């Protein structure tokens, strides 16, 4: 499976959104691979490379003009939109990474209590591959300086804004993958 080819299928050549997606996804991939290497974690590393490159493929269907997304879905839906794209491409494991990487994962209770426009089900990263991509993603933004890795304290403050459960899940990921 060639992740770049799949991105090319959904994103116009030489588009600023494709460039932003690729820059962000490559940063997440490098961070995830570094975490695995430094911790000596055994897992499907080729899958991590591919899934990290594809984890945000669904942003093209969302509306977030500040990061060049001109679709019609709320940005919070980019994970389920990515899942739909990758399910249609017969990539079910990659699809789950899309759905489960938002925040530090989203519980059914989070979705309901925050009245999010998402299906009422747990969207929590389960496999080690899903968890490391979810973790690495928190260190890179698609807004502002997309090349900059956020320091841990900034990531923690961001997770705190989404509630104690989100922060607790992130800190669990940090204890597993932090370097």
N, C-alpha and C. Protein backbone atom coordinates (compact mmCIF):
# COMPACT_ATOMS: atom_id res chain seq x y z
N UNK A 1 0.85 -1.18 0.00
CA UNK A 1 0.00 0.00 0.00
C UNK A 1 0.89 1.24 0.00
N UNK A 2 0.62 2.15 -0.88
CA UNK A 2 1.38 3.39 -0.98
C UNK A 2 0.52 4.54 -0.47
N UNK A 3 0.82 5.01 0.74
CA UNK A 3 0.03 6.07 1.36
C UNK A 3 0.04 7.35 0.54
N UNK A 4 1.18 7.68 -0.05
CA UNK A 4 1.25 8.91 -0.85
C UNK A 4 0.34 8.84 -2.07
N UNK A 5 0.29 7.68 -2.69
CA UNK A 5 -0.62 7.51 -3.84
C UNK A 5 -2.07 7.72 -3.44
N UNK A 6 -2.41 7.21 -2.26
CA UNK A 6 -3.78 7.36 -1.78
C UNK A 6 -4.10 8.83 -1.49
N UNK A 7 -3.16 9.54 -0.91
CA UNK A 7 -3.35 10.97 -0.69
C UNK A 7 -3.54 11.68 -2.03
N UNK A 8 -2.75 11.32 -3.01
CA UNK A 8 -2.86 11.92 -4.35
C UNK A 8 -4.24 11.67 -4.97
N UNK A 9 -4.84 10.54 -4.64
CA UNK A 9 -6.16 10.21 -5.19
C UNK A 9 -7.23 11.19 -4.69
N UNK A 10 -7.09 11.67 -3.45
CA UNK A 10 -8.12 12.52 -2.84
C UNK A 10 -7.76 14.00 -2.79
N UNK A 11 -6.50 14.34 -2.96
CA UNK A 11 -6.04 15.72 -2.84
C UNK A 11 -5.40 16.16 -4.15
N UNK A 12 -5.79 17.32 -4.64
CA UNK A 12 -5.27 17.84 -5.90
C UNK A 12 -3.76 18.03 -5.84
N UNK A 13 -3.12 17.72 -6.95
CA UNK A 13 -1.68 17.90 -7.06
C UNK A 13 -1.34 19.38 -6.87
N UNK A 14 -0.27 19.63 -6.18
CA UNK A 14 0.22 20.99 -5.91
C UNK A 14 -0.81 21.86 -5.21
N UNK A 15 -1.65 21.25 -4.36
CA UNK A 15 -2.59 22.06 -3.58
C UNK A 15 -1.96 22.36 -2.21
N UNK A 16 -2.28 23.52 -1.70
CA UNK A 16 -1.75 23.91 -0.39
C UNK A 16 -2.26 22.98 0.70
N UNK A 17 -3.51 22.51 0.58
CA UNK A 17 -4.04 21.59 1.58
C UNK A 17 -3.29 20.26 1.56
N UNK A 18 -3.01 19.76 0.39
CA UNK A 18 -2.23 18.51 0.29
C UNK A 18 -0.84 18.69 0.89
N UNK A 19 -0.20 19.83 0.61
CA UNK A 19 1.12 20.10 1.18
C UNK A 19 1.05 20.15 2.71
N UNK A 20 0.02 20.80 3.24
CA UNK A 20 -0.14 20.89 4.69
C UNK A 20 -0.40 19.52 5.30
N UNK A 21 -1.28 18.76 4.70
CA UNK A 21 -1.57 17.40 5.17
C UNK A 21 -0.29 16.56 5.19
N UNK A 22 0.46 16.61 4.11
CA UNK A 22 1.68 15.80 4.01
C UNK A 22 2.71 16.24 5.04
N UNK A 23 2.91 17.54 5.19
CA UNK A 23 3.86 18.05 6.18
C UNK A 23 3.47 17.58 7.59
N UNK A 24 2.21 17.77 7.95
CA UNK A 24 1.74 17.36 9.27
C UNK A 24 1.89 15.84 9.46
N UNK A 25 1.44 15.08 8.50
CA UNK A 25 1.45 13.62 8.63
C UNK A 25 2.86 13.06 8.71
N UNK A 26 3.78 13.63 7.94
CA UNK A 26 5.17 13.18 8.02
C UNK A 26 5.77 13.51 9.38
N UNK A 27 5.42 14.65 9.95
CA UNK A 27 5.91 14.99 11.29
C UNK A 27 5.38 14.01 12.32
N UNK A 28 4.10 13.69 12.23
CA UNK A 28 3.50 12.72 13.15
C UNK A 28 4.16 11.35 12.98
N UNK A 29 4.40 10.95 11.74
CA UNK A 29 5.03 9.66 11.49
C UNK A 29 6.43 9.61 12.12
N UNK A 30 7.22 10.65 11.91
CA UNK A 30 8.58 10.66 12.47
C UNK A 30 8.53 10.61 14.00
N UNK A 31 7.64 11.37 14.61
CA UNK A 31 7.51 11.37 16.07
C UNK A 31 7.10 9.98 16.57
N UNK A 32 6.12 9.38 15.92
CA UNK A 32 5.67 8.04 16.33
C UNK A 32 6.80 7.02 16.22
N UNK A 33 7.53 7.07 15.11
CA UNK A 33 8.63 6.12 14.92
C UNK A 33 9.73 6.35 15.95
N UNK A 34 10.01 7.60 16.27
CA UNK A 34 11.01 7.92 17.27
C UNK A 34 10.60 7.38 18.65
N UNK A 35 9.32 7.56 18.99
CA UNK A 35 8.82 7.05 20.28
C UNK A 35 8.98 5.53 20.35
N UNK A 36 8.62 4.85 19.28
CA UNK A 36 8.74 3.38 19.26
C UNK A 36 10.20 2.95 19.39
N UNK A 37 11.07 3.62 18.65
CA UNK A 37 12.49 3.28 18.65
C UNK A 37 13.10 3.51 20.04
N UNK A 38 12.86 4.69 20.61
CA UNK A 38 13.47 5.02 21.90
C UNK A 38 12.95 4.14 23.03
N UNK A 39 11.71 3.70 22.92
CA UNK A 39 11.14 2.82 23.96
C UNK A 39 11.34 1.34 23.65
N UNK A 40 11.85 1.03 22.46
CA UNK A 40 12.07 -0.36 22.08
C UNK A 40 10.77 -1.15 21.97
N UNK A 41 9.73 -0.49 21.52
CA UNK A 41 8.41 -1.12 21.45
C UNK A 41 8.30 -1.92 20.17
N UNK A 42 7.90 -3.17 20.33
CA UNK A 42 7.72 -4.05 19.19
C UNK A 42 6.27 -3.94 18.72
N UNK A 43 6.12 -3.62 17.44
CA UNK A 43 4.79 -3.54 16.84
C UNK A 43 4.97 -3.55 15.33
N UNK A 44 3.89 -3.37 14.61
CA UNK A 44 3.92 -3.35 13.15
C UNK A 44 4.33 -1.94 12.71
N UNK A 45 5.61 -1.73 12.57
CA UNK A 45 6.13 -0.39 12.27
C UNK A 45 5.79 0.07 10.86
N UNK A 46 5.72 -0.82 9.92
CA UNK A 46 5.32 -0.42 8.57
C UNK A 46 3.89 0.10 8.58
N UNK A 47 3.03 -0.57 9.34
CA UNK A 47 1.66 -0.10 9.48
C UNK A 47 1.64 1.28 10.13
N UNK A 48 2.46 1.52 11.15
CA UNK A 48 2.52 2.83 11.81
C UNK A 48 2.91 3.89 10.79
N UNK A 49 3.91 3.61 9.95
CA UNK A 49 4.33 4.58 8.93
C UNK A 49 3.15 4.93 8.01
N UNK A 50 2.49 3.91 7.50
CA UNK A 50 1.37 4.12 6.57
C UNK A 50 0.21 4.84 7.25
N UNK A 51 -0.19 4.34 8.40
CA UNK A 51 -1.37 4.90 9.09
C UNK A 51 -1.12 6.32 9.57
N UNK A 52 0.11 6.62 9.98
CA UNK A 52 0.42 7.99 10.39
C UNK A 52 0.29 8.94 9.20
N UNK A 53 0.71 8.50 8.04
CA UNK A 53 0.58 9.34 6.85
C UNK A 53 -0.88 9.56 6.46
N UNK A 54 -1.75 8.61 6.81
CA UNK A 54 -3.15 8.67 6.39
C UNK A 54 -4.12 9.11 7.49
N UNK A 55 -3.64 9.32 8.70
CA UNK A 55 -4.55 9.51 9.83
C UNK A 55 -5.48 10.72 9.67
N UNK A 56 -5.08 11.73 8.91
CA UNK A 56 -5.90 12.94 8.73
C UNK A 56 -6.46 13.06 7.32
N UNK A 57 -6.51 11.99 6.57
CA UNK A 57 -6.98 12.06 5.18
C UNK A 57 -8.39 12.64 5.08
N UNK A 58 -9.18 12.51 6.12
CA UNK A 58 -10.56 12.99 6.12
C UNK A 58 -10.73 14.50 6.24
N UNK A 59 -9.65 15.25 6.47
CA UNK A 59 -9.82 16.71 6.62
C UNK A 59 -10.37 17.34 5.36
N UNK A 60 -10.19 16.73 4.22
CA UNK A 60 -10.66 17.30 2.96
C UNK A 60 -12.18 17.47 2.93
N UNK A 61 -12.89 16.71 3.73
CA UNK A 61 -14.35 16.78 3.76
C UNK A 61 -14.87 17.72 4.84
N UNK A 62 -13.97 18.40 5.54
CA UNK A 62 -14.40 19.25 6.66
C UNK A 62 -14.25 20.73 6.33
N UNK A 63 -14.91 21.53 7.15
CA UNK A 63 -14.88 22.98 6.98
C UNK A 63 -14.02 23.60 8.08
N UNK A 64 -12.82 24.00 7.70
CA UNK A 64 -11.89 24.69 8.60
C UNK A 64 -11.03 25.60 7.73
N UNK A 65 -11.60 26.72 7.30
CA UNK A 65 -10.89 27.60 6.36
C UNK A 65 -9.51 28.06 6.83
N UNK A 66 -9.32 28.17 8.14
CA UNK A 66 -8.02 28.62 8.64
C UNK A 66 -6.90 27.64 8.32
N UNK A 67 -7.26 26.38 8.03
CA UNK A 67 -6.25 25.41 7.61
C UNK A 67 -6.58 24.86 6.21
N UNK A 68 -7.29 25.68 5.44
CA UNK A 68 -7.52 25.43 4.02
C UNK A 68 -8.54 24.33 3.72
N UNK A 69 -9.31 23.93 4.70
CA UNK A 69 -10.32 22.88 4.50
C UNK A 69 -11.65 23.55 4.14
N UNK A 70 -12.22 23.21 3.00
CA UNK A 70 -13.43 23.88 2.54
C UNK A 70 -14.58 22.88 2.29
N UNK A 71 -14.54 21.76 3.00
CA UNK A 71 -15.64 20.81 2.91
C UNK A 71 -16.84 21.30 3.69
N UNK A 72 -17.82 20.42 3.87
CA UNK A 72 -19.06 20.86 4.53
C UNK A 72 -19.27 20.25 5.92
N UNK A 73 -18.40 19.37 6.36
CA UNK A 73 -18.56 18.74 7.68
C UNK A 73 -17.79 19.52 8.74
N UNK A 74 -18.25 19.51 9.99
CA UNK A 74 -17.46 20.13 11.07
C UNK A 74 -16.09 19.44 11.18
N UNK A 75 -15.08 20.19 11.57
CA UNK A 75 -13.72 19.63 11.63
C UNK A 75 -13.63 18.41 12.55
N UNK A 76 -14.41 18.39 13.63
CA UNK A 76 -14.38 17.27 14.57
C UNK A 76 -14.71 15.95 13.86
N UNK A 77 -15.32 16.04 12.69
CA UNK A 77 -15.72 14.85 11.93
C UNK A 77 -14.60 14.31 11.04
N UNK A 78 -13.42 14.92 11.05
CA UNK A 78 -12.38 14.48 10.12
C UNK A 78 -11.96 13.03 10.37
N UNK A 79 -12.06 12.57 11.60
CA UNK A 79 -11.70 11.18 11.89
C UNK A 79 -12.67 10.19 11.29
N UNK A 80 -13.97 10.46 11.46
CA UNK A 80 -14.95 9.52 10.89
C UNK A 80 -14.99 9.64 9.37
N UNK A 81 -14.71 10.83 8.84
CA UNK A 81 -14.64 10.98 7.39
C UNK A 81 -13.43 10.22 6.84
N UNK A 82 -12.31 10.29 7.55
CA UNK A 82 -11.14 9.50 7.16
C UNK A 82 -11.41 8.02 7.22
N UNK A 83 -12.14 7.61 8.25
CA UNK A 83 -12.51 6.20 8.34
C UNK A 83 -13.34 5.79 7.14
N UNK A 84 -14.30 6.61 6.75
CA UNK A 84 -15.14 6.29 5.60
C UNK A 84 -14.30 6.15 4.32
N UNK A 85 -13.37 7.08 4.14
CA UNK A 85 -12.50 7.02 2.95
C UNK A 85 -11.69 5.73 2.95
N UNK A 86 -11.06 5.41 4.08
CA UNK A 86 -10.17 4.24 4.11
C UNK A 86 -10.94 2.93 4.16
N UNK A 87 -12.14 2.93 4.74
CA UNK A 87 -12.99 1.73 4.64
C UNK A 87 -13.32 1.46 3.17
N UNK A 88 -13.64 2.52 2.42
CA UNK A 88 -13.96 2.38 1.00
C UNK A 88 -12.74 1.89 0.20
N UNK A 89 -11.55 2.17 0.70
CA UNK A 89 -10.31 1.71 0.06
C UNK A 89 -9.90 0.33 0.56
N UNK A 90 -10.75 -0.29 1.37
CA UNK A 90 -10.49 -1.62 1.94
C UNK A 90 -9.23 -1.63 2.83
N UNK A 91 -9.12 -0.60 3.65
CA UNK A 91 -8.03 -0.48 4.62
C UNK A 91 -8.62 -0.31 6.02
N UNK A 92 -9.25 -1.37 6.55
CA UNK A 92 -9.97 -1.23 7.82
C UNK A 92 -9.09 -0.89 9.02
N UNK A 93 -7.87 -1.41 9.10
CA UNK A 93 -7.00 -1.06 10.24
C UNK A 93 -6.60 0.40 10.18
N UNK A 94 -6.25 0.88 9.00
CA UNK A 94 -5.88 2.28 8.82
C UNK A 94 -7.08 3.18 9.14
N UNK A 95 -8.27 2.71 8.73
CA UNK A 95 -9.50 3.47 8.96
C UNK A 95 -9.74 3.69 10.46
N UNK A 96 -9.47 2.68 11.26
CA UNK A 96 -9.67 2.81 12.70
C UNK A 96 -8.72 3.84 13.31
N UNK A 97 -7.51 3.95 12.79
CA UNK A 97 -6.58 4.97 13.26
C UNK A 97 -7.19 6.35 13.03
N UNK A 98 -7.78 6.56 11.85
CA UNK A 98 -8.43 7.85 11.56
C UNK A 98 -9.48 8.15 12.61
N UNK A 99 -10.35 7.20 12.85
CA UNK A 99 -11.46 7.43 13.77
C UNK A 99 -11.01 7.62 15.21
N UNK A 100 -9.96 6.97 15.61
CA UNK A 100 -9.60 6.90 17.03
C UNK A 100 -8.49 7.85 17.47
N UNK A 101 -7.98 8.71 16.59
CA UNK A 101 -6.84 9.56 16.98
C UNK A 101 -7.24 10.93 17.50
N UNK A 102 -8.49 11.34 17.36
CA UNK A 102 -8.91 12.68 17.75
C UNK A 102 -8.77 12.89 19.26
N UNK A 103 -8.19 14.01 19.64
CA UNK A 103 -7.93 14.26 21.06
C UNK A 103 -7.00 13.18 21.59
N UNK A 104 -7.33 12.64 22.72
CA UNK A 104 -6.62 11.46 23.24
C UNK A 104 -7.57 10.28 23.11
N UNK A 105 -8.34 10.30 22.02
CA UNK A 105 -9.44 9.39 21.83
C UNK A 105 -10.69 10.03 22.43
N UNK A 106 -11.83 9.60 21.94
CA UNK A 106 -13.10 10.12 22.44
C UNK A 106 -13.94 8.97 22.97
N UNK A 107 -14.42 9.10 24.18
CA UNK A 107 -15.32 8.08 24.72
C UNK A 107 -16.74 8.39 24.26
N UNK A 108 -17.58 7.40 24.32
CA UNK A 108 -19.00 7.60 24.01
C UNK A 108 -19.57 8.69 24.91
N UNK A 109 -19.16 8.67 26.18
CA UNK A 109 -19.64 9.67 27.13
C UNK A 109 -19.18 11.08 26.74
N UNK A 110 -17.92 11.23 26.27
CA UNK A 110 -17.43 12.53 25.79
C UNK A 110 -18.31 13.03 24.66
N UNK A 111 -18.59 12.15 23.72
CA UNK A 111 -19.35 12.52 22.52
C UNK A 111 -20.75 13.00 22.91
N UNK A 112 -21.37 12.27 23.81
CA UNK A 112 -22.73 12.62 24.23
C UNK A 112 -22.73 13.88 25.08
N UNK A 113 -21.86 13.95 26.08
CA UNK A 113 -21.87 15.10 27.00
C UNK A 113 -21.48 16.40 26.31
N UNK A 114 -20.63 16.33 25.29
CA UNK A 114 -20.22 17.53 24.57
C UNK A 114 -21.08 17.79 23.34
N UNK A 115 -22.09 16.94 23.16
CA UNK A 115 -23.01 17.07 22.02
C UNK A 115 -22.25 17.17 20.70
N UNK A 116 -21.26 16.28 20.53
CA UNK A 116 -20.46 16.29 19.31
C UNK A 116 -21.23 15.62 18.17
N UNK A 117 -21.06 16.10 16.95
CA UNK A 117 -21.78 15.53 15.81
C UNK A 117 -21.12 14.25 15.30
N UNK A 118 -21.01 13.29 16.21
CA UNK A 118 -20.34 12.02 15.92
C UNK A 118 -21.24 10.87 16.34
N UNK A 119 -21.02 9.69 15.77
CA UNK A 119 -21.77 8.52 16.23
C UNK A 119 -21.53 8.29 17.72
N UNK A 120 -22.53 7.81 18.40
CA UNK A 120 -22.44 7.56 19.84
C UNK A 120 -21.79 6.19 20.08
N UNK A 121 -20.46 6.20 20.07
CA UNK A 121 -19.66 5.00 20.33
C UNK A 121 -18.28 5.45 20.80
N UNK A 122 -17.58 4.55 21.47
CA UNK A 122 -16.21 4.84 21.87
C UNK A 122 -15.33 4.93 20.64
N UNK A 123 -14.49 5.93 20.62
CA UNK A 123 -13.50 6.12 19.55
C UNK A 123 -12.15 6.30 20.23
N UNK A 124 -11.75 5.28 20.95
CA UNK A 124 -10.53 5.30 21.74
C UNK A 124 -9.47 4.45 21.07
N UNK A 125 -8.22 4.92 21.02
CA UNK A 125 -7.16 4.11 20.40
C UNK A 125 -6.90 2.86 21.24
N UNK A 126 -6.94 1.71 20.60
CA UNK A 126 -6.79 0.45 21.32
C UNK A 126 -5.43 -0.22 21.08
N UNK A 127 -5.06 -0.43 19.85
CA UNK A 127 -3.80 -1.12 19.56
C UNK A 127 -2.62 -0.20 19.85
N UNK A 128 -1.45 -0.78 20.03
CA UNK A 128 -0.25 0.03 20.27
C UNK A 128 -0.01 0.96 19.09
N UNK A 129 -0.30 0.50 17.88
CA UNK A 129 -0.11 1.34 16.69
C UNK A 129 -1.06 2.53 16.71
N UNK A 130 -2.32 2.30 17.06
CA UNK A 130 -3.28 3.40 17.17
C UNK A 130 -2.86 4.38 18.26
N UNK A 131 -2.42 3.85 19.39
CA UNK A 131 -2.06 4.71 20.53
C UNK A 131 -0.85 5.59 20.23
N UNK A 132 0.17 5.04 19.58
CA UNK A 132 1.37 5.85 19.33
C UNK A 132 1.09 6.95 18.31
N UNK A 133 0.25 6.68 17.33
CA UNK A 133 -0.10 7.72 16.36
C UNK A 133 -0.94 8.80 17.03
N UNK A 134 -1.89 8.40 17.84
CA UNK A 134 -2.70 9.36 18.59
C UNK A 134 -1.79 10.25 19.44
N UNK A 135 -0.84 9.65 20.13
CA UNK A 135 0.08 10.39 20.99
C UNK A 135 0.92 11.37 20.16
N UNK A 136 1.56 10.88 19.11
CA UNK A 136 2.46 11.72 18.31
C UNK A 136 1.72 12.88 17.66
N UNK A 137 0.47 12.66 17.29
CA UNK A 137 -0.33 13.69 16.63
C UNK A 137 -0.52 14.93 17.51
N UNK A 138 -0.55 14.76 18.81
CA UNK A 138 -0.82 15.88 19.70
C UNK A 138 0.30 16.91 19.70
N UNK A 139 1.46 16.57 19.17
CA UNK A 139 2.62 17.46 19.21
C UNK A 139 2.74 18.35 17.97
N UNK A 140 1.82 18.18 17.01
CA UNK A 140 1.90 18.96 15.77
C UNK A 140 0.54 19.51 15.40
N UNK A 141 0.51 20.77 15.07
CA UNK A 141 -0.72 21.45 14.67
C UNK A 141 -0.68 21.71 13.17
N UNK A 142 -1.84 21.78 12.58
CA UNK A 142 -1.91 22.16 11.17
C UNK A 142 -2.10 23.67 11.02
N UNK A 143 -2.33 24.36 12.13
CA UNK A 143 -2.44 25.82 12.09
C UNK A 143 -1.16 26.42 12.65
N UNK A 144 -0.90 27.65 12.29
CA UNK A 144 0.33 28.29 12.76
C UNK A 144 1.52 27.68 12.07
N UNK A 145 2.58 27.45 12.82
CA UNK A 145 3.81 26.85 12.27
C UNK A 145 3.67 25.34 12.31
N UNK A 146 3.28 24.76 11.20
CA UNK A 146 3.03 23.32 11.14
C UNK A 146 4.30 22.49 11.30
N UNK A 147 5.45 23.12 11.18
CA UNK A 147 6.73 22.39 11.32
C UNK A 147 7.17 22.28 12.79
N UNK A 148 6.58 23.10 13.63
CA UNK A 148 7.02 23.20 15.03
C UNK A 148 6.43 22.06 15.87
N UNK A 149 7.31 21.39 16.60
CA UNK A 149 6.84 20.40 17.57
C UNK A 149 6.52 21.13 18.86
N UNK A 150 5.30 20.96 19.35
CA UNK A 150 4.89 21.60 20.59
C UNK A 150 5.61 20.96 21.77
N UNK A 151 5.99 21.76 22.74
CA UNK A 151 6.57 21.18 23.97
C UNK A 151 5.47 20.47 24.77
N UNK A 152 5.89 19.53 25.59
CA UNK A 152 4.95 18.72 26.36
C UNK A 152 4.00 19.58 27.20
N UNK A 153 4.49 20.62 27.85
CA UNK A 153 3.61 21.43 28.70
C UNK A 153 2.50 22.09 27.90
N UNK A 154 2.78 22.47 26.68
CA UNK A 154 1.75 23.05 25.81
C UNK A 154 0.70 22.00 25.43
N UNK A 155 1.15 20.80 25.14
CA UNK A 155 0.22 19.72 24.81
C UNK A 155 -0.66 19.42 26.02
N UNK A 156 -0.08 19.37 27.19
CA UNK A 156 -0.84 19.09 28.41
C UNK A 156 -1.91 20.17 28.63
N UNK A 157 -1.54 21.44 28.47
CA UNK A 157 -2.53 22.52 28.61
C UNK A 157 -3.68 22.35 27.61
N UNK A 158 -3.35 21.97 26.41
CA UNK A 158 -4.38 21.75 25.39
C UNK A 158 -5.31 20.60 25.78
N UNK A 159 -4.75 19.53 26.29
CA UNK A 159 -5.57 18.38 26.71
C UNK A 159 -6.43 18.74 27.91
N UNK A 160 -5.91 19.55 28.83
CA UNK A 160 -6.68 19.99 30.00
C UNK A 160 -7.95 20.72 29.60
N UNK A 161 -7.86 21.51 28.54
CA UNK A 161 -9.03 22.28 28.08
C UNK A 161 -10.18 21.38 27.65
N UNK A 162 -9.89 20.13 27.36
CA UNK A 162 -10.92 19.20 26.91
C UNK A 162 -11.42 18.29 28.04
N UNK A 163 -10.99 18.58 29.25
CA UNK A 163 -11.52 17.86 30.40
C UNK A 163 -10.54 16.88 31.02
N UNK A 164 -10.88 16.50 32.24
CA UNK A 164 -10.01 15.62 33.03
C UNK A 164 -9.82 14.26 32.37
N UNK A 165 -10.87 13.71 31.78
CA UNK A 165 -10.76 12.40 31.13
C UNK A 165 -9.80 12.42 29.96
N UNK A 166 -9.86 13.49 29.17
CA UNK A 166 -8.94 13.62 28.03
C UNK A 166 -7.51 13.75 28.52
N UNK A 167 -7.29 14.57 29.53
CA UNK A 167 -5.94 14.73 30.07
C UNK A 167 -5.44 13.40 30.64
N UNK A 168 -6.27 12.69 31.36
CA UNK A 168 -5.86 11.41 31.93
C UNK A 168 -5.47 10.42 30.83
N UNK A 169 -6.26 10.36 29.76
CA UNK A 169 -5.93 9.46 28.65
C UNK A 169 -4.61 9.87 27.99
N UNK A 170 -4.41 11.19 27.83
CA UNK A 170 -3.16 11.64 27.24
C UNK A 170 -1.97 11.27 28.13
N UNK A 171 -2.11 11.47 29.42
CA UNK A 171 -1.00 11.16 30.33
C UNK A 171 -0.69 9.66 30.34
N UNK A 172 -1.71 8.82 30.14
CA UNK A 172 -1.46 7.38 29.99
C UNK A 172 -0.64 7.12 28.73
N UNK A 173 -1.00 7.80 27.64
CA UNK A 173 -0.22 7.67 26.40
C UNK A 173 1.20 8.16 26.61
N UNK A 174 1.34 9.27 27.34
CA UNK A 174 2.69 9.81 27.60
C UNK A 174 3.52 8.83 28.41
N UNK A 175 2.92 8.19 29.38
CA UNK A 175 3.69 7.22 30.19
C UNK A 175 4.15 6.03 29.34
N UNK A 176 3.38 5.73 28.31
CA UNK A 176 3.74 4.61 27.43
C UNK A 176 4.75 5.00 26.36
N UNK A 177 4.64 6.22 25.81
CA UNK A 177 5.42 6.58 24.63
C UNK A 177 6.35 7.77 24.81
N UNK A 178 6.19 8.55 25.88
CA UNK A 178 6.99 9.77 26.06
C UNK A 178 8.47 9.48 26.10
N UNK A 179 9.20 10.37 25.48
CA UNK A 179 10.67 10.22 25.44
C UNK A 179 11.34 11.48 25.94
